[in-house]
Protein backbone atom coordinates (compact mmCIF):
# COMPACT_ATOMS: atom_id res chain seq x y z
CA UNK A 1 -20.04 10.63 -7.52
CA UNK A 2 -19.46 6.90 -7.95
CA UNK A 3 -18.05 5.12 -4.93
CA UNK A 4 -18.29 8.17 -2.71
CA UNK A 5 -18.43 7.80 0.96
CA UNK A 6 -21.76 7.74 2.63
CA UNK A 7 -21.83 10.10 5.54
CA UNK A 8 -23.98 10.43 8.58
CA UNK A 9 -26.99 12.22 7.25
CA UNK A 10 -25.88 12.60 3.67
CA UNK A 11 -23.77 9.78 2.52
CA UNK A 12 -22.09 7.75 5.22
CA UNK A 13 -18.96 8.36 6.94
CA UNK A 14 -16.20 6.98 5.27
CA UNK A 15 -13.14 5.78 6.06
CA UNK A 16 -11.59 5.31 8.50
CA UNK A 17 -10.30 5.46 5.33
CA UNK A 18 -6.95 5.25 6.53
CA UNK A 19 -7.46 2.68 8.89
CA UNK A 20 -8.09 3.98 8.04
CA UNK A 21 -5.43 4.48 5.48
CA UNK A 22 -4.62 2.22 6.67
CA UNK A 23 -4.76 1.16 3.35
CA UNK A 24 -3.99 -2.28 2.52
CA UNK A 25 -1.22 -0.32 1.58
CA UNK A 26 -0.27 2.75 3.04
CA UNK A 27 -0.54 3.64 6.57
CA UNK A 28 -1.54 0.63 8.16
CA UNK A 29 -3.54 -2.05 9.67
CA UNK A 30 -3.16 -4.56 12.40
CA UNK A 31 -2.92 -8.29 12.49
CA UNK A 32 -5.89 -8.76 14.80
CA UNK A 33 -8.03 -11.81 14.31
CA UNK A 34 -7.68 -15.41 13.20
CA UNK A 35 -4.03 -16.40 13.45
CA UNK A 36 -4.49 -19.58 11.42
CA UNK A 37 -1.66 -19.86 8.92
CA UNK A 38 -2.76 -23.07 7.19
CA UNK A 39 -1.76 -22.94 3.54
CA UNK A 40 1.07 -20.48 4.05
CA UNK A 41 4.67 -20.81 2.95
CA UNK A 42 6.17 -23.46 5.29
CA UNK A 43 9.39 -21.44 5.53
CA UNK A 44 7.46 -18.65 7.26
CA UNK A 45 9.29 -16.00 5.19
CA UNK A 46 6.12 -14.37 3.92
CA UNK A 47 4.54 -14.16 7.36
CA UNK A 48 7.77 -12.68 8.78
CA UNK A 49 7.70 -9.91 6.15
CA UNK A 50 4.04 -9.06 6.75
CA UNK A 51 4.50 -9.12 10.53
CA UNK A 52 7.54 -6.84 10.28
CA UNK A 53 5.49 -4.31 8.33
CA UNK A 54 2.65 -4.48 10.88
CA UNK A 55 5.10 -4.11 13.77
CA UNK A 56 6.58 -0.94 12.32
CA UNK A 57 3.13 0.44 11.62
CA UNK A 58 1.84 -0.25 15.14
CA UNK A 59 1.72 2.27 17.99
CA UNK A 60 -0.44 2.73 21.09
CA UNK A 61 -1.80 5.98 19.64
CA UNK A 62 -1.61 7.76 16.29
CA UNK A 63 -3.14 10.91 14.81
CA UNK A 64 -3.09 11.63 11.08
CA UNK A 65 -4.51 14.18 8.67
CA UNK A 66 -4.94 12.83 5.16
CA UNK A 67 -5.97 14.30 1.83
CA UNK A 68 -7.71 12.27 -0.88
CA UNK A 69 -7.85 13.62 -4.42
CA UNK A 70 -10.31 11.55 -6.43
CA UNK A 71 -10.57 11.77 -10.21
CA UNK A 72 -13.25 9.65 -11.84
CA UNK A 73 -13.71 9.14 -15.55
CA UNK A 74 -15.54 12.08 -17.10
CA UNK A 75 -15.75 14.07 -13.83
CA UNK A 76 -13.64 16.85 -12.27
CA UNK A 77 -11.30 15.98 -9.41
CA UNK A 78 -12.76 16.16 -5.92
CA UNK A 79 -10.67 16.67 -2.77
CA UNK A 80 -11.47 15.28 0.68
CA UNK A 81 -9.55 15.73 3.92
CA UNK A 82 -9.90 13.52 6.95
CA UNK A 83 -8.50 13.35 10.45
CA UNK A 84 -7.81 9.86 11.76
CA UNK A 85 -7.21 9.07 15.44
CA UNK A 86 -6.17 5.51 16.27
CA UNK A 87 -5.77 3.49 19.46
CA UNK A 88 -4.13 0.04 19.43
CA UNK A 89 -3.90 -2.74 21.99
CA UNK A 90 -2.85 -6.37 21.54
CA UNK A 91 -6.49 -7.37 21.01
CA UNK A 92 -8.15 -4.40 19.36
CA UNK A 93 -7.59 -1.43 17.07
CA UNK A 94 -10.10 1.43 17.22
CA UNK A 95 -9.97 4.31 14.76
CA UNK A 96 -12.04 7.48 14.75
CA UNK A 97 -12.16 9.05 11.31
CA UNK A 98 -13.60 12.51 10.74
CA UNK A 99 -14.13 14.07 7.35
CA UNK A 100 -13.26 17.76 7.64
CA UNK A 101 -13.57 18.77 3.97
CA UNK A 102 -15.49 19.45 1.82
CA UNK A 103 -17.94 21.14 4.21
CA UNK A 104 -21.01 19.52 2.65
CA UNK A 105 -19.71 16.02 3.46
CA UNK A 106 -18.43 16.46 7.01
CA UNK A 107 -19.05 13.40 9.17
CA UNK A 108 -17.43 10.77 11.38
CA UNK A 109 -17.01 7.01 11.64
CA UNK A 110 -15.57 4.59 14.18
CA UNK A 111 -13.80 1.44 12.96
CA UNK A 112 -13.39 -1.37 15.48
CA UNK A 113 -11.05 -4.28 14.64
CA UNK A 114 -11.21 -6.90 17.40
CA UNK A 115 -9.23 -10.11 17.61
CA UNK A 116 -11.26 -13.04 16.30
CA UNK A 117 -14.19 -10.85 15.20
CA UNK A 118 -15.35 -9.12 12.04
CA UNK A 119 -14.42 -5.49 11.61
CA UNK A 120 -17.31 -3.16 12.50
CA UNK A 121 -17.65 0.40 11.20
CA UNK A 122 -20.08 2.61 13.11
CA UNK A 123 -21.63 5.91 11.98
CA UNK A 124 -24.27 8.19 13.46
CA UNK A 125 -27.29 9.31 11.43
CA UNK A 126 -28.23 12.64 12.97
CA UNK A 127 -31.47 12.89 10.98
CA UNK A 128 -32.92 9.85 12.78
CA UNK A 129 -30.70 10.01 15.89
CA UNK A 130 -29.38 6.47 15.59
CA UNK A 131 -26.09 4.61 15.20
CA UNK A 132 -25.56 2.42 12.15
CA UNK A 133 -23.11 -0.42 11.58
CA UNK A 134 -21.58 -1.83 8.41
CA UNK A 135 -18.68 -4.13 7.55
CA UNK A 136 -15.34 -3.59 5.83
CA UNK A 137 -16.80 -4.18 2.34
CA UNK A 138 -18.40 -0.73 2.42
CA UNK A 139 -17.27 1.38 -0.55
CA UNK A 140 -15.68 4.78 -0.08
CA UNK A 141 -13.65 7.35 -2.03
CA UNK A 142 -13.21 6.45 -5.68
CA UNK A 143 -14.63 2.94 -5.17
CA UNK A 144 -12.13 1.77 -2.53
CA UNK A 145 -13.44 -0.46 0.25
CA UNK A 146 -12.99 0.08 3.97
CA UNK A 147 -11.18 -3.27 4.12
CA UNK A 148 -8.53 -2.07 1.69
CA UNK A 149 -7.97 1.05 3.69
CA UNK A 150 -7.92 -0.76 7.00
CA UNK A 151 -5.71 -3.56 5.80
CA UNK A 152 -7.62 -6.74 6.69
CA UNK A 153 -4.24 -8.51 6.78
CA UNK A 154 -5.51 -11.41 8.88
CA UNK A 155 -7.94 -12.49 6.14
CA UNK A 156 -5.15 -13.86 3.93
CA UNK A 157 -2.61 -16.68 3.81
CA UNK A 158 0.78 -15.63 2.48
CA UNK A 159 3.41 -17.08 0.19
CA UNK A 160 6.88 -15.62 -0.44
CA UNK A 161 7.42 -15.11 -4.17
CA UNK A 162 10.95 -13.75 -4.24
CA UNK A 163 13.15 -10.66 -4.33
CA UNK A 164 13.58 -8.18 -7.18
CA UNK A 165 14.44 -4.60 -8.07
CA UNK A 166 11.45 -2.28 -8.46
CA UNK A 167 12.22 1.22 -9.69
CA UNK A 168 15.75 0.86 -8.36
CA UNK A 169 14.64 -0.38 -4.94
CA UNK A 170 15.08 -3.92 -3.58
CA UNK A 171 11.71 -5.42 -2.66
CA UNK A 172 10.24 -8.66 -1.30
CA UNK A 173 7.23 -9.93 -3.25
CA UNK A 174 4.52 -11.60 -1.16
CA UNK A 175 1.28 -13.12 -2.42
CA UNK A 176 -1.79 -13.18 -0.20
CA UNK A 177 -4.75 -15.49 -0.88
CA UNK A 178 -8.08 -15.07 0.88
CA UNK A 179 -8.74 -17.72 3.53
CA UNK A 180 -11.65 -20.04 2.72
CA UNK A 181 -13.63 -18.90 5.77
CA UNK A 182 -13.21 -15.16 5.12
CA UNK A 183 -15.17 -12.73 2.99
CA UNK A 184 -13.64 -9.92 0.94
CA UNK A 185 -13.92 -8.16 -2.40
CA UNK A 186 -10.20 -8.97 -2.80
CA UNK A 187 -9.50 -12.66 -3.46
CA UNK A 188 -5.74 -12.36 -4.06
CA UNK A 189 -3.09 -9.68 -3.71
CA UNK A 190 0.58 -9.33 -4.56
CA UNK A 191 2.49 -6.85 -2.41
CA UNK A 192 6.05 -5.62 -2.96
CA UNK A 193 7.58 -4.65 0.41
CA UNK A 194 10.67 -2.43 0.43
CA UNK A 195 13.58 -4.42 1.88
CA UNK A 196 15.02 -1.42 3.74
CA UNK A 197 11.92 -0.47 5.76
CA UNK A 198 9.13 -2.96 4.84
CA UNK A 199 6.83 -0.21 3.56
CA UNK A 200 4.67 -1.55 0.69
CA UNK A 201 6.05 -0.07 -2.51
CA UNK A 202 3.36 -1.49 -4.78
CA UNK A 203 0.26 -3.65 -4.40
CA UNK A 204 -1.95 -5.40 -6.97
CA UNK A 205 -5.39 -6.56 -5.84
CA UNK A 206 -7.45 -9.17 -7.72
CA UNK A 207 -11.06 -10.34 -7.57
CA UNK A 208 -12.37 -13.91 -7.47
CA UNK A 209 -12.51 -13.94 -11.29
CA UNK A 210 -8.79 -13.18 -11.51
CA UNK A 211 -9.26 -9.66 -12.87
CA UNK A 212 -7.11 -6.89 -11.41
CA UNK A 213 -9.23 -4.56 -9.29
CA UNK A 214 -6.73 -1.94 -8.07
CA UNK A 215 -3.08 -0.98 -8.22
CA UNK A 216 -1.49 0.91 -5.31
CA UNK A 217 1.87 2.65 -5.77
CA UNK A 218 3.82 4.47 -3.07
CA UNK A 219 5.42 7.63 -4.47
CA UNK A 220 6.75 9.19 -1.23
CA UNK A 221 7.84 7.91 2.19
CA UNK A 222 8.28 9.70 5.51
CA UNK A 223 8.89 8.80 9.12
CA UNK A 224 11.82 7.35 11.02
CA UNK A 225 13.22 3.79 11.29
CA UNK A 226 10.65 3.01 14.00
CA UNK A 227 7.60 4.31 12.12
CA UNK A 228 8.25 4.60 8.37
CA UNK A 229 5.09 5.16 6.33
CA UNK A 230 3.90 5.85 2.81
CA UNK A 231 3.15 9.58 2.80
CA UNK A 232 1.85 9.61 -0.78
CA UNK A 233 0.10 6.73 -2.53
CA UNK A 234 -1.50 6.68 -5.97
CA UNK A 235 -4.30 4.22 -6.64
CA UNK A 236 -5.78 3.16 -9.96
CA UNK A 237 -9.22 1.60 -9.56
CA UNK A 238 -9.84 -0.49 -12.66
CA UNK A 239 -13.48 -1.14 -11.71
CA UNK A 240 -14.61 2.44 -11.14
CA UNK A 241 -12.13 3.89 -13.65
CA UNK A 242 -10.89 6.27 -10.97
CA UNK A 243 -7.49 7.57 -9.88
CA UNK A 244 -6.99 8.40 -6.20
CA UNK A 245 -4.02 10.25 -4.72
CA UNK A 246 -3.70 9.74 -0.95
CA UNK A 247 -1.40 12.16 0.88
CA UNK A 248 -0.57 12.08 4.58
CA UNK A 249 -0.39 15.77 5.47
CA UNK A 250 0.71 15.14 9.05
CA UNK A 251 1.22 12.20 11.38
CA UNK A 252 2.10 12.10 15.07
CA UNK A 253 2.28 9.57 17.90
CA UNK A 254 1.01 11.17 21.12
CA UNK A 255 1.77 9.38 24.41
CA UNK A 256 -1.94 9.14 25.20
CA UNK A 257 -5.39 10.15 23.94
CA UNK A 258 -8.52 10.43 26.08
CA UNK A 259 -10.56 7.21 25.91
CA UNK A 260 -13.73 9.21 25.24
CA UNK A 261 -12.36 9.85 21.75
CA UNK A 262 -12.99 6.23 20.86
CA UNK A 263 -16.63 5.95 21.94
CA UNK A 264 -19.78 6.05 19.85
CA UNK A 265 -20.86 9.30 21.48
CA UNK A 266 -17.89 11.01 19.82
CA UNK A 267 -19.65 10.47 16.48
CA UNK A 268 -22.30 12.97 17.56
CA UNK A 269 -19.69 15.74 17.78
CA UNK A 270 -19.22 17.66 14.51
CA UNK A 271 -15.73 17.46 13.04
CA UNK A 272 -13.65 20.63 13.10
CA UNK A 273 -12.40 21.94 9.77
């Protein structure tokens, strides 16, 4: 399967997909890292919109179960389910992602986003009993990168484009351009944030050659005013010719989670179905 997620001993361990959906889109990311805003809209409107989205997405702890239905050109649909457990502080976001279905691709990964550092994604290869690290350009379900799922919001400078109606909803359009000292598959993105809750309603991602790589569209929203989130997102990957439906089956915000959950040793523990 093109763009599938490499798991521990078979193909890697994808995700955090949700950042681990944290999708550039959907469930979230954090603004950890370089705070340089050189080249941004001098009014600060774009940064205010992005920061408001990140604020509403943030929480000390979060647990989610997410389903990915991937349909690639000429192949039958394949369904994955993951459990994502996230811990956030002012300086770091750590997310444990465990694939729980299908049974032949069960595995785990740990995404670590630290302020001022590159995102690191760690997996454990049981066959050779060693940990492996990769960056956020790693490709997962349907050809999506870990960076897209995690967000990587700090890699871009933002400009406010304007307001409009999108499918009957008032949105703020913001353009993000990759900073000159950052590396990403995505060179530019245009995100339409819903004015009522700042959830991204639609995102268009472009490569360095100007060609559109992906289109993300939110088709359902859940949560409360404090934590609204896209509970269903449809993605068209123009590069891999794939269509991905991302559904948040459940999401909760526990008061605390044992710190051992966010250690490398947790990757050695098989995920429960």
